[in-house]
PDB file of N, CA and C in Angstrom:
ATOM      1  N   MET A   1     159.663  76.702  65.968  1.00  0.00           N
ATOM      2  CA  MET A   1     160.911  77.269  66.430  1.00  0.00           C
ATOM      3  C   MET A   1     160.825  78.790  66.451  1.00  0.00           C
ATOM      4  N   ALA A   2     160.192  79.367  65.450  1.00  0.00           N
ATOM      5  CA  ALA A   2     160.037  80.819  65.414  1.00  0.00           C
ATOM      6  C   ALA A   2     159.164  81.293  66.571  1.00  0.00           C
ATOM      7  N   LYS A   3     158.199  80.453  66.945  1.00  0.00           N
ATOM      8  CA  LYS A   3     157.325  80.796  68.063  1.00  0.00           C
ATOM      9  C   LYS A   3     158.121  80.844  69.361  1.00  0.00           C
ATOM     10  N   ASP A   4     159.072  79.899  69.537  1.00  0.00           N
ATOM     11  CA  ASP A   4     159.932  79.901  70.721  1.00  0.00           C
ATOM     12  C   ASP A   4     160.803  81.146  70.763  1.00  0.00           C
ATOM     13  N   GLN A   5     161.334  81.541  69.625  1.00  0.00           N
ATOM     14  CA  GLN A   5     162.180  82.729  69.569  1.00  0.00           C
ATOM     15  C   GLN A   5     161.374  83.983  69.896  1.00  0.00           C
ATOM     16  N   LEU A   6     160.151  84.042  69.403  1.00  0.00           N
ATOM     17  CA  LEU A   6     159.293  85.176  69.693  1.00  0.00           C
ATOM     18  C   LEU A   6     158.941  85.212  71.186  1.00  0.00           C
ATOM     19  N   ARG A   7     158.656  84.067  71.762  1.00  0.00           N
ATOM     20  CA  ARG A   7     158.370  83.988  73.188  1.00  0.00           C
ATOM     21  C   ARG A   7     159.585  84.412  74.007  1.00  0.00           C
ATOM     22  N   ASP A   8     160.773  83.949  73.604  1.00  0.00           N
ATOM     23  CA  ASP A   8     161.994  84.319  74.309  1.00  0.00           C
ATOM     24  C   ASP A   8     162.269  85.819  74.205  1.00  0.00           C
ATOM     25  N   LEU A   9     162.006  86.389  73.045  1.00  0.00           N
ATOM     26  CA  LEU A   9     162.183  87.831  72.859  1.00  0.00           C
ATOM     27  C   LEU A   9     161.209  88.601  73.741  1.00  0.00           C
ATOM     28  N   HIS A  10     159.977  88.145  73.789  1.00  0.00           N
ATOM     29  CA  HIS A  10     158.968  88.776  74.635  1.00  0.00           C
ATOM     30  C   HIS A  10     159.372  88.701  76.105  1.00  0.00           C
ATOM     31  N   LEU A  11     159.838  87.553  76.533  1.00  0.00           N
ATOM     32  CA  LEU A  11     160.280  87.369  77.910  1.00  0.00           C
ATOM     33  C   LEU A  11     161.460  88.295  78.223  1.00  0.00           C
ATOM     34  N   PHE A  12     162.416  88.378  77.311  1.00  0.00           N
ATOM     35  CA  PHE A  12     163.566  89.265  77.492  1.00  0.00           C
ATOM     36  C   PHE A  12     163.115  90.721  77.572  1.00  0.00           C
ATOM     37  N   ALA A  13     162.187  91.094  76.721  1.00  0.00           N
ATOM     38  CA  ALA A  13     161.708  92.477  76.710  1.00  0.00           C
ATOM     39  C   ALA A  13     161.039  92.841  78.026  1.00  0.00           C
ATOM     40  N   MET A  14     160.211  91.949  78.556  1.00  0.00           N
ATOM     41  CA  MET A  14     159.473  92.261  79.781  1.00  0.00           C
ATOM     42  C   MET A  14     160.333  92.155  81.041  1.00  0.00           C
ATOM     43  N   GLU A  15     161.280  91.223  81.068  1.00  0.00           N
ATOM     44  CA  GLU A  15     162.040  90.992  82.294  1.00  0.00           C
ATOM     45  C   GLU A  15     163.388  91.702  82.324  1.00  0.00           C
ATOM     46  N   SER A  16     163.946  92.071  81.177  1.00  0.00           N
ATOM     47  CA  SER A  16     165.269  92.698  81.163  1.00  0.00           C
ATOM     48  C   SER A  16     165.253  94.084  80.536  1.00  0.00           C
ATOM     49  N   ALA A  17     164.766  94.160  79.295  1.00  0.00           N
ATOM     50  CA  ALA A  17     164.834  95.424  78.569  1.00  0.00           C
ATOM     51  C   ALA A  17     163.923  96.487  79.193  1.00  0.00           C
ATOM     52  N   LEU A  18     162.720  96.126  79.579  1.00  0.00           N
ATOM     53  CA  LEU A  18     161.791  97.101  80.160  1.00  0.00           C
ATOM     54  C   LEU A  18     162.334  97.688  81.460  1.00  0.00           C
ATOM     55  N   PRO A  19     162.795  96.878  82.435  1.00  0.00           N
ATOM     56  CA  PRO A  19     163.373  97.477  83.642  1.00  0.00           C
ATOM     57  C   PRO A  19     164.603  98.335  83.350  1.00  0.00           C
ATOM     58  N   PHE A  20     165.431  97.889  82.396  1.00  0.00           N
ATOM     59  CA  PHE A  20     166.612  98.671  82.013  1.00  0.00           C
ATOM     60  C   PHE A  20     166.198 100.033  81.465  1.00  0.00           C
ATOM     61  N   GLY A  21     165.266 100.026  80.539  1.00  0.00           N
ATOM     62  CA  GLY A  21     164.795 101.280  79.947  1.00  0.00           C
ATOM     63  C   GLY A  21     164.136 102.189  80.966  1.00  0.00           C
ATOM     64  N   MET A  22     163.346 101.619  81.852  1.00  0.00           N
ATOM     65  CA  MET A  22     162.695 102.424  82.881  1.00  0.00           C
ATOM     66  C   MET A  22     163.727 102.969  83.869  1.00  0.00           C
ATOM     67  N   GLY A  23     164.791 102.221  84.108  1.00  0.00           N
ATOM     68  CA  GLY A  23     165.877 102.703  84.968  1.00  0.00           C
ATOM     69  C   GLY A  23     166.585 103.888  84.358  1.00  0.00           C
ATOM     70  N   VAL A  24     166.827 103.825  83.056  1.00  0.00           N
ATOM     71  CA  VAL A  24     167.456 104.951  82.356  1.00  0.00           C
ATOM     72  C   VAL A  24     166.550 106.177  82.454  1.00  0.00           C
ATOM     73  N   ILE A  25     165.257 105.981  82.207  1.00  0.00           N
ATOM     74  CA  ILE A  25     164.301 107.098  82.264  1.00  0.00           C
ATOM     75  C   ILE A  25     164.220 107.669  83.684  1.00  0.00           C
ATOM     76  N   ASN A  26     164.145 106.803  84.688  1.00  0.00           N
ATOM     77  CA  ASN A  26     164.076 107.271  86.079  1.00  0.00           C
ATOM     78  C   ASN A  26     165.313 108.073  86.468  1.00  0.00           C
ATOM     79  N   ASN A  27     166.494 107.590  86.057  1.00  0.00           N
ATOM     80  CA  ASN A  27     167.730 108.318  86.357  1.00  0.00           C
ATOM     81  C   ASN A  27     167.787 109.645  85.617  1.00  0.00           C
ATOM     82  N   ALA A  28     167.292 109.662  84.401  1.00  0.00           N
ATOM     83  CA  ALA A  28     167.269 110.913  83.632  1.00  0.00           C
ATOM     84  C   ALA A  28     166.339 111.929  84.302  1.00  0.00           C
ATOM     85  N   LYS A  29     165.207 111.465  84.823  1.00  0.00           N
ATOM     86  CA  LYS A  29     164.267 112.365  85.496  1.00  0.00           C
ATOM     87  C   LYS A  29     164.863 112.934  86.779  1.00  0.00           C
ATOM     88  N   THR A  30     165.544 112.077  87.555  1.00  0.00           N
ATOM     89  CA  THR A  30     166.033 112.521  88.863  1.00  0.00           C
ATOM     90  C   THR A  30     167.374 113.244  88.802  1.00  0.00           C
ATOM     91  N   GLY A  31     168.246 112.878  87.894  1.00  0.00           N
ATOM     92  CA  GLY A  31     169.586 113.484  87.890  1.00  0.00           C
ATOM     93  C   GLY A  31     170.076 113.943  86.539  1.00  0.00           C
ATOM     94  N   GLY A  32     169.257 113.770  85.539  1.00  0.00           N
ATOM     95  CA  GLY A  32     169.644 114.209  84.203  1.00  0.00           C
ATOM     96  C   GLY A  32     170.737 113.346  83.592  1.00  0.00           C
ATOM     97  N   LEU A  33     171.371 113.909  82.594  1.00  0.00           N
ATOM     98  CA  LEU A  33     172.406 113.194  81.837  1.00  0.00           C
ATOM     99  C   LEU A  33     173.600 112.843  82.724  1.00  0.00           C
ATOM    100  N   LYS A  34     173.922 113.718  83.675  1.00  0.00           N
ATOM    101  CA  LYS A  34     175.060 113.458  84.564  1.00  0.00           C
ATOM    102  C   LYS A  34     174.859 112.161  85.340  1.00  0.00           C
ATOM    103  N   LYS A  35     173.658 111.934  85.853  1.00  0.00           N
ATOM    104  CA  LYS A  35     173.395 110.709  86.620  1.00  0.00           C
ATOM    105  C   LYS A  35     173.474 109.480  85.717  1.00  0.00           C
ATOM    106  N   ILE A  36     172.977 109.585  84.505  1.00  0.00           N
ATOM    107  CA  ILE A  36     173.061 108.457  83.569  1.00  0.00           C
ATOM    108  C   ILE A  36     174.516 108.127  83.279  1.00  0.00           C
ATOM    109  N   ILE A  37     175.343 109.157  83.070  1.00  0.00           N
ATOM    110  CA  ILE A  37     176.765 108.933  82.788  1.00  0.00           C
ATOM    111  C   ILE A  37     177.447 108.314  84.005  1.00  0.00           C
ATOM    112  N   ASP A  38     177.099 108.770  85.215  1.00  0.00           N
ATOM    113  CA  ASP A  38     177.684 108.184  86.432  1.00  0.00           C
ATOM    114  C   ASP A  38     177.352 106.700  86.542  1.00  0.00           C
ATOM    115  N   VAL A  39     176.118 106.337  86.251  1.00  0.00           N
ATOM    116  CA  VAL A  39     175.726 104.921  86.313  1.00  0.00           C
ATOM    117  C   VAL A  39     176.459 104.134  85.230  1.00  0.00           C
ATOM    118  N   CYS A  40     176.620 104.713  84.052  1.00  0.00           N
ATOM    119  CA  CYS A  40     177.329 104.022  82.956  1.00  0.00           C
ATOM    120  C   CYS A  40     178.786 103.769  83.298  1.00  0.00           C
ATOM    121  N   ARG A  41     179.360 104.593  84.161  1.00  0.00           N
ATOM    122  CA  ARG A  41     180.771 104.423  84.555  1.00  0.00           C
ATOM    123  C   ARG A  41     180.919 103.424  85.708  1.00  0.00           C
ATOM    124  N   SER A  42     179.837 102.941  86.258  1.00  0.00           N
ATOM    125  CA  SER A  42     179.919 101.987  87.366  1.00  0.00           C
ATOM    126  C   SER A  42     180.355 100.613  86.870  1.00  0.00           C
ATOM    127  N   ASN A  43     180.544  99.707  87.818  1.00  0.00           N
ATOM    128  CA  ASN A  43     181.007  98.348  87.470  1.00  0.00           C
ATOM    129  C   ASN A  43     179.981  97.565  86.649  1.00  0.00           C
ATOM    130  N   ASP A  44     178.699  97.682  86.981  1.00  0.00           N
ATOM    131  CA  ASP A  44     177.650  96.917  86.298  1.00  0.00           C
ATOM    132  C   ASP A  44     176.463  97.832  85.993  1.00  0.00           C
ATOM    133  N   PRO A  45     176.597  98.681  84.981  1.00  0.00           N
ATOM    134  CA  PRO A  45     175.529  99.647  84.707  1.00  0.00           C
ATOM    135  C   PRO A  45     174.207  98.986  84.314  1.00  0.00           C
ATOM    136  N   PHE A  46     174.267  97.864  83.592  1.00  0.00           N
ATOM    137  CA  PHE A  46     173.034  97.192  83.168  1.00  0.00           C
ATOM    138  C   PHE A  46     172.202  96.783  84.374  1.00  0.00           C
ATOM    139  N   SER A  47     172.852  96.159  85.367  1.00  0.00           N
ATOM    140  CA  SER A  47     172.134  95.723  86.566  1.00  0.00           C
ATOM    141  C   SER A  47     171.619  96.910  87.369  1.00  0.00           C
ATOM    142  N   GLU A  48     172.403  97.979  87.444  1.00  0.00           N
ATOM    143  CA  GLU A  48     171.962  99.158  88.192  1.00  0.00           C
ATOM    144  C   GLU A  48     170.743  99.799  87.538  1.00  0.00           C
ATOM    145  N   PHE A  49     170.762  99.923  86.223  1.00  0.00           N
ATOM    146  CA  PHE A  49     169.599 100.480  85.528  1.00  0.00           C
ATOM    147  C   PHE A  49     168.380  99.576  85.719  1.00  0.00           C
ATOM    148  N   GLN A  50     168.595  98.271  85.628  1.00  0.00           N
ATOM    149  CA  GLN A  50     167.486  97.332  85.834  1.00  0.00           C
ATOM    150  C   GLN A  50     166.920  97.466  87.248  1.00  0.00           C
ATOM    151  N   PHE A  51     167.779  97.538  88.232  1.00  0.00           N
ATOM    152  CA  PHE A  51     167.333  97.667  89.619  1.00  0.00           C
ATOM    153  C   PHE A  51     166.558  98.970  89.817  1.00  0.00           C
ATOM    154  N   ASP A  52     167.088 100.063  89.258  1.00  0.00           N
ATOM    155  CA  ASP A  52     166.427 101.365  89.394  1.00  0.00           C
ATOM    156  C   ASP A  52     165.070 101.408  88.697  1.00  0.00           C
ATOM    157  N   GLY A  53     164.889 100.604  87.655  1.00  0.00           N
ATOM    158  CA  GLY A  53     163.651 100.650  86.901  1.00  0.00           C
ATOM    159  C   GLY A  53     162.671  99.542  87.188  1.00  0.00           C
ATOM    160  N   GLU A  54     163.008  98.631  88.087  1.00  0.00           N
ATOM    161  CA  GLU A  54     162.153  97.456  88.321  1.00  0.00           C
ATOM    162  C   GLU A  54     160.768  97.835  88.833  1.00  0.00           C
ATOM    163  N   ALA A  55     160.685  98.773  89.765  1.00  0.00           N
ATOM    164  CA  ALA A  55     159.370  99.145  90.320  1.00  0.00           C
ATOM    165  C   ALA A  55     158.484  99.764  89.238  1.00  0.00           C
ATOM    166  N   THR A  56     159.061 100.632  88.436  1.00  0.00           N
ATOM    167  CA  THR A  56     158.289 101.261  87.358  1.00  0.00           C
ATOM    168  C   THR A  56     157.925 100.229  86.298  1.00  0.00           C
ATOM    169  N   ALA A  57     158.848  99.331  85.997  1.00  0.00           N
ATOM    170  CA  ALA A  57     158.579  98.282  85.006  1.00  0.00           C
ATOM    171  C   ALA A  57     157.438  97.384  85.473  1.00  0.00           C
ATOM    172  N   LYS A  58     157.381  97.116  86.767  1.00  0.00           N
ATOM    173  CA  LYS A  58     156.292  96.291  87.300  1.00  0.00           C
ATOM    174  C   LYS A  58     154.951  96.983  87.071  1.00  0.00           C
ATOM    175  N   THR A  59     154.908  98.295  87.307  1.00  0.00           N
ATOM    176  CA  THR A  59     153.681  99.060  87.073  1.00  0.00           C
ATOM    177  C   THR A  59     153.288  99.006  85.601  1.00  0.00           C
ATOM    178  N   VAL A  60     154.264  99.163  84.715  1.00  0.00           N
ATOM    179  CA  VAL A  60     153.995  99.111  83.266  1.00  0.00           C
ATOM    180  C   VAL A  60     153.495  97.720  82.881  1.00  0.00           C
ATOM    181  N   ARG A  61     154.141  96.672  83.398  1.00  0.00           N
ATOM    182  CA  ARG A  61     153.694  95.302  83.088  1.00  0.00           C
ATOM    183  C   ARG A  61     152.264  95.076  83.568  1.00  0.00           C
ATOM    184  N   ASN A  62     151.930  95.594  84.753  1.00  0.00           N
ATOM    185  CA  ASN A  62     150.561  95.462  85.256  1.00  0.00           C
ATOM    186  C   ASN A  62     149.564  96.146  84.329  1.00  0.00           C
ATOM    187  N   LYS A  63     149.908  97.340  83.861  1.00  0.00           N
ATOM    188  CA  LYS A  63     149.011  98.067  82.947  1.00  0.00           C
ATOM    189  C   LYS A  63     148.864  97.309  81.631  1.00  0.00           C
ATOM    190  N   ILE A  64     149.962  96.793  81.113  1.00  0.00           N
ATOM    191  CA  ILE A  64     149.914  96.011  79.866  1.00  0.00           C
ATOM    192  C   ILE A  64     149.060  94.769  80.071  1.00  0.00           C
ATOM    193  N   ASP A  65     149.228  94.125  81.216  1.00  0.00           N
ATOM    194  CA  ASP A  65     148.470  92.908  81.514  1.00  0.00           C
ATOM    195  C   ASP A  65     146.979  93.192  81.663  1.00  0.00           C
ATOM    196  N   GLU A  66     146.629  94.384  82.128  1.00  0.00           N
ATOM    197  CA  GLU A  66     145.213  94.758  82.206  1.00  0.00           C
ATOM    198  C   GLU A  66     144.613  94.871  80.811  1.00  0.00           C
ATOM    199  N   LEU A  67     145.381  95.395  79.871  1.00  0.00           N
ATOM    200  CA  LEU A  67     144.887  95.532  78.500  1.00  0.00           C
ATOM    201  C   LEU A  67     144.784  94.187  77.792  1.00  0.00           C
ATOM    202  N   VAL A  68     145.872  93.423  77.860  1.00  0.00           N
ATOM    203  CA  VAL A  68     145.915  92.108  77.217  1.00  0.00           C
ATOM    204  C   VAL A  68     146.528  91.126  78.217  1.00  0.00           C
ATOM    205  N   PRO A  69     145.700  90.318  78.862  1.00  0.00           N
ATOM    206  CA  PRO A  69     146.232  89.370  79.857  1.00  0.00           C
ATOM    207  C   PRO A  69     147.300  88.457  79.261  1.00  0.00           C
ATOM    208  N   GLY A  70     148.413  88.336  79.990  1.00  0.00           N
ATOM    209  CA  GLY A  70     149.519  87.491  79.540  1.00  0.00           C
ATOM    210  C   GLY A  70     150.570  88.246  78.758  1.00  0.00           C
ATOM    211  N   LEU A  71     150.261  89.461  78.330  1.00  0.00           N
ATOM    212  CA  LEU A  71     151.236  90.220  77.552  1.00  0.00           C
ATOM    213  C   LEU A  71     152.258  90.886  78.470  1.00  0.00           C
ATOM    214  N   GLY A  72     151.818  91.359  79.619  1.00  0.00           N
ATOM    215  CA  GLY A  72     152.726  92.003  80.558  1.00  0.00           C
ATOM    216  C   GLY A  72     153.570  91.012  81.323  1.00  0.00           C
ATOM    217  N   TYR A  73     152.989  89.891  81.648  1.00  0.00           N
ATOM    218  CA  TYR A  73     153.700  88.823  82.340  1.00  0.00           C
ATOM    219  C   TYR A  73     153.645  87.579  81.466  1.00  0.00           C
ATOM    220  N   PRO A  74     154.643  87.401  80.621  1.00  0.00           N
ATOM    221  CA  PRO A  74     154.615  86.271  79.685  1.00  0.00           C
ATOM    222  C   PRO A  74     154.677  84.937  80.398  1.00  0.00           C
ATOM    223  N   VAL A  75     154.062  83.971  79.774  1.00  0.00           N
ATOM    224  CA  VAL A  75     154.041  82.616  80.303  1.00  0.00           C
ATOM    225  C   VAL A  75     155.407  81.988  80.079  1.00  0.00           C
ATOM    226  N   VAL A  76     155.940  81.388  81.118  1.00  0.00           N
ATOM    227  CA  VAL A  76     157.241  80.750  81.045  1.00  0.00           C
ATOM    228  C   VAL A  76     157.018  79.240  80.986  1.00  0.00           C
ATOM    229  N   PRO A  77     157.643  78.556  80.041  1.00  0.00           N
ATOM    230  CA  PRO A  77     157.452  77.104  79.970  1.00  0.00           C
ATOM    231  C   PRO A  77     158.038  76.415  81.205  1.00  0.00           C
ATOM    232  N   VAL A  78     157.335  75.410  81.674  1.00  0.00           N
ATOM    233  CA  VAL A  78     157.734  74.680  82.867  1.00  0.00           C
ATOM    234  C   VAL A  78     157.653  73.194  82.575  1.00  0.00           C
ATOM    235  N   GLU A  79     158.644  72.457  83.062  1.00  0.00           N
ATOM    236  CA  GLU A  79     158.603  71.006  82.931  1.00  0.00           C
ATOM    237  C   GLU A  79     158.039  70.421  84.217  1.00  0.00           C
ATOM    238  N   VAL A  80     157.057  69.562  84.074  1.00  0.00           N
ATOM    239  CA  VAL A  80     156.428  68.933  85.229  1.00  0.00           C
ATOM    240  C   VAL A  80     156.625  67.435  85.121  1.00  0.00           C
ATOM    241  N   THR A  81     157.097  66.853  86.208  1.00  0.00           N
ATOM    242  CA  THR A  81     157.237  65.399  86.247  1.00  0.00           C
ATOM    243  C   THR A  81     156.498  64.890  87.469  1.00  0.00           C
ATOM    244  N   SER A  82     156.045  63.682  87.388  1.00  0.00           N
ATOM    245  CA  SER A  82     155.369  63.077  88.538  1.00  0.00           C
ATOM    246  C   SER A  82     156.018  61.740  88.828  1.00  0.00           C
ATOM    247  N   GLU A  83     155.999  61.410  90.091  1.00  0.00           N
ATOM    248  CA  GLU A  83     156.549  60.126  90.486  1.00  0.00           C
ATOM    249  C   GLU A  83     155.517  59.041  90.222  1.00  0.00           C
ATOM    250  N   ASP A  84     156.011  57.886  89.815  1.00  0.00           N
ATOM    251  CA  ASP A  84     155.109  56.760  89.593  1.00  0.00           C
ATOM    252  C   ASP A  84     154.577  56.262  90.925  1.00  0.00           C
ATOM    253  N   ASP A  85     153.313  55.904  90.906  1.00  0.00           N
ATOM    254  CA  ASP A  85     152.726  55.302  92.093  1.00  0.00           C
ATOM    255  C   ASP A  85     153.040  53.820  92.071  1.00  0.00           C
ATOM    256  N   TYR A  86     153.643  53.361  93.121  1.00  0.00           N
ATOM    257  CA  TYR A  86     153.991  51.967  93.214  1.00  0.00           C
ATOM    258  C   TYR A  86     152.928  51.242  94.038  1.00  0.00           C
ATOM    259  N   PRO A  87     152.481  50.097  93.560  1.00  0.00           N
ATOM    260  CA  PRO A  87     151.462  49.346  94.293  1.00  0.00           C
ATOM    261  C   PRO A  87     151.902  48.992  95.700  1.00  0.00           C
ATOM    262  N   ASP A  88     153.208  48.791  95.927  1.00  0.00           N
ATOM    263  CA  ASP A  88     153.701  48.446  97.265  1.00  0.00           C
ATOM    264  C   ASP A  88     153.391  49.566  98.247  1.00  0.00           C
ATOM    265  N   ASN A  89     153.565  50.813  97.799  1.00  0.00           N
ATOM    266  CA  ASN A  89     153.276  51.950  98.674  1.00  0.00           C
ATOM    267  C   ASN A  89     151.798  51.995  99.026  1.00  0.00           C
ATOM    268  N   GLU A  90     150.957  51.701  98.048  1.00  0.00           N
ATOM    269  CA  GLU A  90     149.519  51.703  98.305  1.00  0.00           C
ATOM    270  C   GLU A  90     149.154  50.626  99.318  1.00  0.00           C
ATOM    271  N   ILE A  91     149.757  49.456  99.185  1.00  0.00           N
ATOM    272  CA  ILE A  91     149.486  48.362 100.121  1.00  0.00           C
ATOM    273  C   ILE A  91     149.981  48.757 101.508  1.00  0.00           C
ATOM    274  N   ASN A  92     151.181  49.331 101.582  1.00  0.00           N
ATOM    275  CA  ASN A  92     151.723  49.755 102.880  1.00  0.00           C
ATOM    276  C   ASN A  92     150.852  50.848 103.491  1.00  0.00           C
ATOM    277  N   ASP A  93     150.393  51.781 102.675  1.00  0.00           N
ATOM    278  CA  ASP A  93     149.515  52.834 103.183  1.00  0.00           C
ATOM    279  C   ASP A  93     148.219  52.243 103.715  1.00  0.00           C
ATOM    280  N   GLN A  94     147.670  51.289 102.985  1.00  0.00           N
ATOM    281  CA  GLN A  94     146.423  50.661 103.420  1.00  0.00           C
ATOM    282  C   GLN A  94     146.649  49.860 104.697  1.00  0.00           C
ATOM    283  N   ASP A  95     147.757  49.133 104.773  1.00  0.00           N
ATOM    284  CA  ASP A  95     148.072  48.376 105.989  1.00  0.00           C
ATOM    285  C   ASP A  95     148.248  49.311 107.181  1.00  0.00           C
ATOM    286  N   ASN A  96     148.946  50.436 106.966  1.00  0.00           N
ATOM    287  CA  ASN A  96     149.127  51.408 108.046  1.00  0.00           C
ATOM    288  C   ASN A  96     147.790  51.983 108.498  1.00  0.00           C
ATOM    289  N   LEU A  97     146.934  52.255 107.557  1.00  0.00           N
ATOM    290  CA  LEU A  97     145.624  52.800 107.887  1.00  0.00           C
ATOM    291  C   LEU A  97     144.812  51.800 108.700  1.00  0.00           C
ATOM    292  N   VAL A  98     144.800  50.554 108.263  1.00  0.00           N
ATOM    293  CA  VAL A  98     144.039  49.519 108.968  1.00  0.00           C
ATOM    294  C   VAL A  98     144.591  49.330 110.378  1.00  0.00           C
ATOM    295  N   SER A  99     145.894  49.282 110.525  1.00  0.00           N
ATOM    296  CA  SER A  99     146.468  49.083 111.862  1.00  0.00           C
ATOM    297  C   SER A  99     146.180  50.289 112.761  1.00  0.00           C
ATOM    298  N   THR A 100     146.216  51.486 112.214  1.00  0.00           N
ATOM    299  CA  THR A 100     145.889  52.679 113.000  1.00  0.00           C
ATOM    300  C   THR A 100     144.427  52.668 113.423  1.00  0.00           C
ATOM    301  N   LEU A 101     143.541  52.308 112.508  1.00  0.00           N
ATOM    302  CA  LEU A 101     142.115  52.232 112.843  1.00  0.00           C
ATOM    303  C   LEU A 101     141.849  51.153 113.889  1.00  0.00           C
ATOM    304  N   ASN A 102     142.521  50.009 113.790  1.00  0.00           N
ATOM    305  CA  ASN A 102     142.368  48.950 114.791  1.00  0.00           C
ATOM    306  C   ASN A 102     142.847  49.409 116.166  1.00  0.00           C
ATOM    307  N   ARG A 103     143.968  50.126 116.199  1.00  0.00           N
ATOM    308  CA  ARG A 103     144.488  50.632 117.466  1.00  0.00           C
ATOM    309  C   ARG A 103     143.492  51.619 118.093  1.00  0.00           C
ATOM    310  N   ILE A 104     142.926  52.507 117.276  1.00  0.00           N
ATOM    311  CA  ILE A 104     141.928  53.470 117.771  1.00  0.00           C
ATOM    312  C   ILE A 104     140.704  52.733 118.304  1.00  0.00           C
ATOM    313  N   ASP A 105     140.255  51.723 117.569  1.00  0.00           N
ATOM    314  CA  ASP A 105     139.090  50.938 117.994  1.00  0.00           C
ATOM    315  C   ASP A 105     139.356  50.264 119.338  1.00  0.00           C
ATOM    316  N   ASN A 106     140.551  49.685 119.523  1.00  0.00           N
ATOM    317  CA  ASN A 106     140.901  49.046 120.794  1.00  0.00           C
ATOM    318  C   ASN A 106     140.923  50.057 121.936  1.00  0.00           C
ATOM    319  N   GLN A 107     141.466  51.232 121.670  1.00  0.00           N
ATOM    320  CA  GLN A 107     141.512  52.256 122.710  1.00  0.00           C
ATOM    321  C   GLN A 107     140.107  52.745 123.068  1.00  0.00           C
ATOM    322  N   LEU A 108     139.228  52.834 122.080  1.00  0.00           N
ATOM    323  CA  LEU A 108     137.839  53.216 122.354  1.00  0.00           C
ATOM    324  C   LEU A 108     137.140  52.144 123.184  1.00  0.00           C
ATOM    325  N   ASP A 109     137.412  50.873 122.875  1.00  0.00           N
ATOM    326  CA  ASP A 109     136.840  49.790 123.668  1.00  0.00           C
ATOM    327  C   ASP A 109     137.320  49.864 125.124  1.00  0.00           C
ATOM    328  N   GLN A 110     138.595  50.162 125.323  1.00  0.00           N
ATOM    329  CA  GLN A 110     139.127  50.285 126.677  1.00  0.00           C
ATOM    330  C   GLN A 110     138.454  51.442 127.415  1.00  0.00           C
ATOM    331  N   LEU A 111     138.246  52.557 126.727  1.00  0.00           N
ATOM    332  CA  LEU A 111     137.565  53.698 127.343  1.00  0.00           C
ATOM    333  C   LEU A 111     136.124  53.351 127.705  1.00  0.00           C
ATOM    334  N   ARG A 112     135.427  52.655 126.804  1.00  0.00           N
ATOM    335  CA  ARG A 112     134.041  52.253 127.075  1.00  0.00           C
ATOM    336  C   ARG A 112     133.993  51.349 128.311  1.00  0.00           C
ATOM    337  N   HIS A 113     134.892  50.393 128.361  1.00  0.00           N
ATOM    338  CA  HIS A 113     134.953  49.470 129.488  1.00  0.00           C
ATOM    339  C   HIS A 113     135.254  50.233 130.779  1.00  0.00           C
ATOM    340  N   TYR A 114     136.190  51.130 130.726  1.00  0.00           N
ATOM    341  CA  TYR A 114     136.566  51.914 131.906  1.00  0.00           C
ATOM    342  C   TYR A 114     135.383  52.737 132.399  1.00  0.00           C
ATOM    343  N   PHE A 115     134.687  53.436 131.465  1.00  0.00           N
ATOM    344  CA  PHE A 115     133.569  54.274 131.870  1.00  0.00           C
ATOM    345  C   PHE A 115     132.371  53.452 132.356  1.00  0.00           C
ATOM    346  N   SER A 116     132.118  52.313 131.736  1.00  0.00           N
ATOM    347  CA  SER A 116     130.977  51.502 132.172  1.00  0.00           C
ATOM    348  C   SER A 116     131.245  50.878 133.537  1.00  0.00           C
ATOM    349  N   LYS A 117     132.458  50.468 133.785  1.00  0.00           N
ATOM    350  CA  LYS A 117     132.820  49.862 135.059  1.00  0.00           C
ATOM    351  C   LYS A 117     132.982  50.938 136.130  1.00  0.00           C
ATOM    352  N   GLY A 118     133.562  52.068 135.762  1.00  0.00           N
ATOM    353  CA  GLY A 118     133.840  53.125 136.727  1.00  0.00           C
ATOM    354  C   GLY A 118     132.629  53.946 137.085  1.00  0.00           C
ATOM    355  N   SER A 119     131.564  53.920 136.269  1.00  0.00           N
ATOM    356  CA  SER A 119     130.391  54.749 136.570  1.00  0.00           C
ATOM    357  C   SER A 119     129.682  54.271 137.827  1.00  0.00           C
ATOM    358  N   ASN A 120     129.880  53.017 138.209  1.00  0.00           N
ATOM    359  CA  ASN A 120     129.256  52.477 139.418  1.00  0.00           C
ATOM    360  C   ASN A 120     129.960  52.987 140.671  1.00  0.00           C
ATOM    361  N   ASN A 121     131.202  53.434 140.531  1.00  0.00           N
ATOM    362  CA  ASN A 121     131.989  53.852 141.682  1.00  0.00           C
ATOM    363  C   ASN A 121     131.789  55.314 142.043  1.00  0.00           C
ATOM    364  N   PHE A 122     131.061  56.093 141.226  1.00  0.00           N
ATOM    365  CA  PHE A 122     130.868  57.519 141.509  1.00  0.00           C
ATOM    366  C   PHE A 122     129.794  57.697 142.556  1.00  0.00           C
ATOM    367  N   ASP A 123     130.043  58.619 143.468  1.00  0.00           N
ATOM    368  CA  ASP A 123     129.021  58.959 144.479  1.00  0.00           C
ATOM    369  C   ASP A 123     128.234  60.159 143.990  1.00  0.00           C
ATOM    370  N   ASP A 124     126.958  60.176 144.266  1.00  0.00           N
ATOM    371  CA  ASP A 124     126.105  61.294 143.860  1.00  0.00           C
ATOM    372  C   ASP A 124     125.972  62.275 145.007  1.00  0.00           C
ATOM    373  N   LYS A 125     127.033  62.828 145.487  1.00  0.00           N
ATOM    374  CA  LYS A 125     126.977  63.767 146.609  1.00  0.00           C
ATOM    375  C   LYS A 125     126.763  65.175 146.137  1.00  0.00           C
TER     376      LYS A 125
END
């Protein structure tokens, strides 16, 4: 359980806190304290800081990931499910394949017959 909490904290730090912090730093560089205060007075300052810092945060995550793979971009748990294979589907697939192959074989036979019979009708002019 502690491992899950640590993973969640790491994920939060890389995906939320880092862009937020980089947004604050970027705004401070470009507009100083006045710009930071203006953003804080907006409707959603957290999202604005995150948006402003996302590009820089991506660069930082890439650098961190170069040093220690997986640290900059934490692994997110994923649930994977697979559908059961039903024998009926396999039988239907096999039946479809056999019928398709038989149809192709019949069409090839018709072409062979046509070409063998029709080759006598060509003039060599």
